[in-house]
Amino acid sequence: MSKDTQCPYCGADVEINHDDGYGYEEDDLHQQECGECGKTFTYTTAIHFSYYAYKADCLNDGEHQYEKTKTYPPEYARLRCKECGHEKHLTANA
């Protein structure tokens, strides 16, 4: 079982039940029963975003670093820049 939080009564690891989307609203107080001690507790939800930055020299006057996509069937392959994701059609000599 994955651990989302701990029961505030007995300390047991608790996986939050999100059936039917319940428990995702950030401004609401939600309720759940602990599977170990049987007591009902409340919880709030906080959603965190993480961002990872990468250099993209091609967006700053550099050259695109194109690679052929691994596509099936292969005749639908394109060229995609490793740095920015820009795509273009394959040329005859690719």
N, C-alpha and C. Protein backbone atom coordinates (compact mmCIF):
# COMPACT_ATOMS: atom_id res chain seq x y z
N MET A 1 0.85 -1.18 0.00
CA MET A 1 0.00 0.00 0.00
C MET A 1 0.89 1.24 0.00
N SER A 2 0.53 2.20 -0.82
CA SER A 2 1.29 3.44 -0.81
C SER A 2 0.79 4.31 0.34
N LYS A 3 1.67 5.16 0.82
CA LYS A 3 1.35 6.01 1.96
C LYS A 3 1.11 7.43 1.47
N ASP A 4 -0.11 7.92 1.64
CA ASP A 4 -0.40 9.31 1.33
C ASP A 4 -0.26 10.19 2.56
N THR A 5 -0.64 9.64 3.72
CA THR A 5 -0.57 10.38 4.98
C THR A 5 -0.59 9.36 6.12
N GLN A 6 -0.63 9.86 7.34
CA GLN A 6 -0.74 8.99 8.52
C GLN A 6 -2.01 9.34 9.28
N CYS A 7 -2.62 8.34 9.86
CA CYS A 7 -3.79 8.56 10.70
C CYS A 7 -3.37 9.41 11.90
N PRO A 8 -4.09 10.50 12.17
CA PRO A 8 -3.73 11.35 13.31
C PRO A 8 -4.04 10.70 14.66
N TYR A 9 -4.76 9.59 14.67
CA TYR A 9 -5.10 8.90 15.92
C TYR A 9 -4.12 7.78 16.25
N CYS A 10 -3.89 6.89 15.29
CA CYS A 10 -3.05 5.72 15.60
C CYS A 10 -1.70 5.73 14.88
N GLY A 11 -1.50 6.66 13.94
CA GLY A 11 -0.22 6.76 13.24
C GLY A 11 -0.06 5.79 12.08
N ALA A 12 -1.09 5.03 11.76
CA ALA A 12 -1.00 4.06 10.66
C ALA A 12 -0.87 4.79 9.32
N ASP A 13 -0.14 4.17 8.40
CA ASP A 13 -0.05 4.70 7.04
C ASP A 13 -1.42 4.59 6.39
N VAL A 14 -1.83 5.66 5.71
CA VAL A 14 -3.16 5.70 5.10
C VAL A 14 -3.02 6.10 3.64
N GLU A 15 -3.69 5.36 2.78
CA GLU A 15 -3.81 5.74 1.38
C GLU A 15 -5.15 6.45 1.22
N ILE A 16 -5.11 7.68 0.75
CA ILE A 16 -6.34 8.46 0.60
C ILE A 16 -7.17 7.87 -0.54
N ASN A 17 -8.45 7.69 -0.29
CA ASN A 17 -9.38 7.12 -1.26
C ASN A 17 -9.93 8.24 -2.14
N HIS A 18 -9.56 8.22 -3.42
CA HIS A 18 -10.02 9.25 -4.36
C HIS A 18 -11.07 8.70 -5.32
N ASP A 19 -11.86 7.71 -4.90
CA ASP A 19 -12.91 7.17 -5.76
C ASP A 19 -13.81 8.30 -6.25
N ASP A 20 -14.13 8.25 -7.51
CA ASP A 20 -15.01 9.24 -8.15
C ASP A 20 -14.47 10.67 -8.03
N GLY A 21 -13.16 10.82 -7.87
CA GLY A 21 -12.56 12.15 -7.82
C GLY A 21 -12.66 12.84 -6.47
N TYR A 22 -13.18 12.15 -5.46
CA TYR A 22 -13.33 12.75 -4.14
C TYR A 22 -11.96 13.05 -3.53
N GLY A 23 -11.86 14.18 -2.88
CA GLY A 23 -10.66 14.50 -2.11
C GLY A 23 -9.61 15.29 -2.84
N TYR A 24 -9.89 15.72 -4.07
CA TYR A 24 -8.89 16.49 -4.82
C TYR A 24 -9.07 18.00 -4.68
N GLU A 25 -10.23 18.47 -4.23
CA GLU A 25 -10.47 19.90 -4.11
C GLU A 25 -9.58 20.47 -3.02
N GLU A 26 -8.84 21.53 -3.35
CA GLU A 26 -7.87 22.08 -2.40
C GLU A 26 -8.50 22.90 -1.28
N ASP A 27 -9.63 23.50 -1.51
CA ASP A 27 -10.22 24.40 -0.51
C ASP A 27 -11.23 23.72 0.40
N ASP A 28 -11.40 22.41 0.27
CA ASP A 28 -12.39 21.69 1.07
C ASP A 28 -11.73 20.85 2.15
N LEU A 29 -12.49 20.59 3.21
CA LEU A 29 -12.07 19.68 4.26
C LEU A 29 -12.71 18.33 3.97
N HIS A 30 -11.91 17.30 3.79
CA HIS A 30 -12.39 15.97 3.41
C HIS A 30 -12.33 15.04 4.61
N GLN A 31 -13.07 13.93 4.55
CA GLN A 31 -13.12 12.95 5.64
C GLN A 31 -12.76 11.57 5.12
N GLN A 32 -12.12 10.79 5.97
CA GLN A 32 -11.83 9.40 5.65
C GLN A 32 -11.70 8.60 6.93
N GLU A 33 -12.07 7.34 6.86
CA GLU A 33 -11.95 6.44 8.00
C GLU A 33 -10.63 5.69 7.91
N CYS A 34 -9.94 5.58 9.03
CA CYS A 34 -8.68 4.83 9.09
C CYS A 34 -8.99 3.34 9.04
N GLY A 35 -8.27 2.62 8.20
CA GLY A 35 -8.46 1.18 8.07
C GLY A 35 -7.93 0.40 9.26
N GLU A 36 -7.06 1.00 10.07
CA GLU A 36 -6.48 0.32 11.23
C GLU A 36 -7.33 0.50 12.49
N CYS A 37 -7.57 1.76 12.88
CA CYS A 37 -8.27 2.01 14.15
C CYS A 37 -9.76 2.29 13.98
N GLY A 38 -10.20 2.53 12.74
CA GLY A 38 -11.62 2.75 12.48
C GLY A 38 -12.12 4.15 12.77
N LYS A 39 -11.24 5.04 13.21
CA LYS A 39 -11.67 6.41 13.51
C LYS A 39 -11.66 7.24 12.23
N THR A 40 -12.61 8.18 12.17
CA THR A 40 -12.70 9.08 11.03
C THR A 40 -11.88 10.32 11.31
N PHE A 41 -11.10 10.73 10.33
CA PHE A 41 -10.28 11.93 10.44
C PHE A 41 -10.57 12.82 9.24
N THR A 42 -10.13 14.06 9.32
CA THR A 42 -10.28 14.98 8.20
C THR A 42 -8.91 15.26 7.61
N TYR A 43 -8.91 15.70 6.36
CA TYR A 43 -7.66 16.07 5.70
C TYR A 43 -7.94 17.14 4.66
N THR A 44 -6.92 17.87 4.32
CA THR A 44 -6.98 18.83 3.22
C THR A 44 -6.01 18.37 2.14
N THR A 45 -6.20 18.88 0.96
CA THR A 45 -5.38 18.49 -0.18
C THR A 45 -4.56 19.68 -0.65
N ALA A 46 -3.29 19.45 -0.94
CA ALA A 46 -2.42 20.46 -1.53
C ALA A 46 -1.78 19.86 -2.76
N ILE A 47 -1.95 20.52 -3.89
CA ILE A 47 -1.37 20.06 -5.14
C ILE A 47 -0.14 20.91 -5.43
N HIS A 48 0.97 20.25 -5.70
CA HIS A 48 2.24 20.94 -5.94
C HIS A 48 2.67 20.72 -7.38
N PHE A 49 3.17 21.76 -8.00
CA PHE A 49 3.70 21.67 -9.35
C PHE A 49 5.22 21.77 -9.28
N SER A 50 5.89 20.97 -10.09
CA SER A 50 7.35 21.04 -10.18
C SER A 50 7.72 21.39 -11.61
N TYR A 51 8.69 22.24 -11.77
CA TYR A 51 9.15 22.65 -13.08
C TYR A 51 10.63 22.35 -13.20
N TYR A 52 11.03 21.84 -14.35
CA TYR A 52 12.43 21.51 -14.61
C TYR A 52 12.85 22.28 -15.86
N ALA A 53 13.87 23.10 -15.74
CA ALA A 53 14.31 23.93 -16.86
C ALA A 53 15.48 23.27 -17.59
N TYR A 54 15.47 23.41 -18.90
CA TYR A 54 16.52 22.85 -19.75
C TYR A 54 16.99 23.92 -20.73
N LYS A 55 18.26 23.87 -21.07
CA LYS A 55 18.77 24.77 -22.09
C LYS A 55 18.15 24.42 -23.43
N ALA A 56 17.85 25.44 -24.22
CA ALA A 56 17.35 25.27 -25.57
C ALA A 56 18.06 26.29 -26.45
N ASP A 57 19.32 26.00 -26.75
CA ASP A 57 20.13 26.94 -27.53
C ASP A 57 19.48 27.28 -28.87
N CYS A 58 18.72 26.34 -29.43
CA CYS A 58 18.07 26.58 -30.72
C CYS A 58 17.04 27.70 -30.64
N LEU A 59 16.56 28.01 -29.47
CA LEU A 59 15.62 29.12 -29.29
C LEU A 59 16.34 30.44 -29.04
N ASN A 60 17.66 30.36 -29.02
CA ASN A 60 18.50 31.54 -28.76
C ASN A 60 19.57 31.65 -29.82
N ASP A 61 19.15 31.63 -31.07
CA ASP A 61 20.03 31.78 -32.24
C ASP A 61 20.93 30.60 -32.51
N GLY A 62 20.75 29.47 -31.85
CA GLY A 62 21.53 28.26 -32.12
C GLY A 62 20.82 27.40 -33.15
N GLU A 63 21.44 26.30 -33.51
CA GLU A 63 20.87 25.36 -34.48
C GLU A 63 20.00 24.32 -33.76
N HIS A 64 18.91 23.90 -34.43
CA HIS A 64 18.11 22.80 -33.90
C HIS A 64 18.93 21.52 -33.95
N GLN A 65 18.74 20.65 -32.98
CA GLN A 65 19.42 19.36 -32.91
C GLN A 65 18.38 18.28 -33.24
N TYR A 66 18.15 18.06 -34.53
CA TYR A 66 17.09 17.15 -34.96
C TYR A 66 17.52 15.69 -34.88
N GLU A 67 16.57 14.86 -34.45
CA GLU A 67 16.72 13.40 -34.46
C GLU A 67 15.48 12.82 -35.11
N LYS A 68 15.66 11.71 -35.79
CA LYS A 68 14.53 11.03 -36.41
C LYS A 68 13.69 10.37 -35.31
N THR A 69 12.38 10.54 -35.39
CA THR A 69 11.50 9.93 -34.39
C THR A 69 11.41 8.43 -34.63
N LYS A 70 11.19 7.70 -33.57
CA LYS A 70 11.01 6.25 -33.66
C LYS A 70 9.51 6.01 -33.79
N THR A 71 9.07 5.86 -35.02
CA THR A 71 7.65 5.81 -35.33
C THR A 71 7.33 4.54 -36.09
N TYR A 72 6.16 3.98 -35.82
CA TYR A 72 5.70 2.83 -36.60
C TYR A 72 4.36 3.17 -37.21
N PRO A 73 4.19 2.98 -38.47
CA PRO A 73 5.18 2.53 -39.43
C PRO A 73 6.23 3.61 -39.69
N PRO A 74 7.44 3.19 -40.06
CA PRO A 74 8.56 4.13 -40.18
C PRO A 74 8.35 5.24 -41.20
N GLU A 75 7.49 5.04 -42.17
CA GLU A 75 7.28 6.10 -43.18
C GLU A 75 6.58 7.33 -42.59
N TYR A 76 6.07 7.23 -41.36
CA TYR A 76 5.45 8.38 -40.70
C TYR A 76 6.43 9.10 -39.76
N ALA A 77 7.68 8.69 -39.77
CA ALA A 77 8.69 9.33 -38.90
C ALA A 77 8.87 10.79 -39.31
N ARG A 78 9.29 11.58 -38.34
CA ARG A 78 9.57 13.01 -38.56
C ARG A 78 10.91 13.31 -37.92
N LEU A 79 11.36 14.53 -38.06
CA LEU A 79 12.55 15.00 -37.36
C LEU A 79 12.09 15.86 -36.20
N ARG A 80 12.62 15.59 -35.00
CA ARG A 80 12.24 16.32 -33.79
C ARG A 80 13.50 16.86 -33.12
N CYS A 81 13.47 18.14 -32.75
CA CYS A 81 14.61 18.76 -32.06
C CYS A 81 14.69 18.23 -30.64
N LYS A 82 15.89 17.79 -30.23
CA LYS A 82 16.11 17.27 -28.88
C LYS A 82 15.95 18.34 -27.81
N GLU A 83 16.15 19.60 -28.19
CA GLU A 83 16.14 20.68 -27.19
C GLU A 83 14.79 21.34 -27.01
N CYS A 84 14.05 21.58 -28.10
CA CYS A 84 12.80 22.34 -27.98
C CYS A 84 11.56 21.57 -28.41
N GLY A 85 11.74 20.39 -29.05
CA GLY A 85 10.60 19.60 -29.47
C GLY A 85 10.02 19.97 -30.82
N HIS A 86 10.58 20.97 -31.50
CA HIS A 86 10.09 21.35 -32.83
C HIS A 86 10.19 20.16 -33.76
N GLU A 87 9.16 19.98 -34.59
CA GLU A 87 9.16 18.87 -35.54
C GLU A 87 9.06 19.39 -36.96
N LYS A 88 9.65 18.62 -37.88
CA LYS A 88 9.51 18.92 -39.30
C LYS A 88 9.51 17.60 -40.06
N HIS A 89 9.05 17.66 -41.31
CA HIS A 89 9.02 16.47 -42.15
C HIS A 89 10.43 16.01 -42.48
N LEU A 90 10.57 14.73 -42.69
CA LEU A 90 11.86 14.17 -43.12
C LEU A 90 12.19 14.68 -44.51
N THR A 91 13.46 14.92 -44.74
CA THR A 91 13.91 15.26 -46.09
C THR A 91 14.35 13.98 -46.78
N ALA A 92 14.56 14.03 -48.06
CA ALA A 92 14.91 12.84 -48.83
C ALA A 92 16.22 12.21 -48.39
N ASN A 93 17.16 12.99 -47.85
CA ASN A 93 18.47 12.44 -47.45
C ASN A 93 18.56 12.12 -45.96
N ALA A 94 17.46 12.12 -45.24
CA ALA A 94 17.51 11.85 -43.79
C ALA A 94 17.56 10.38 -43.49
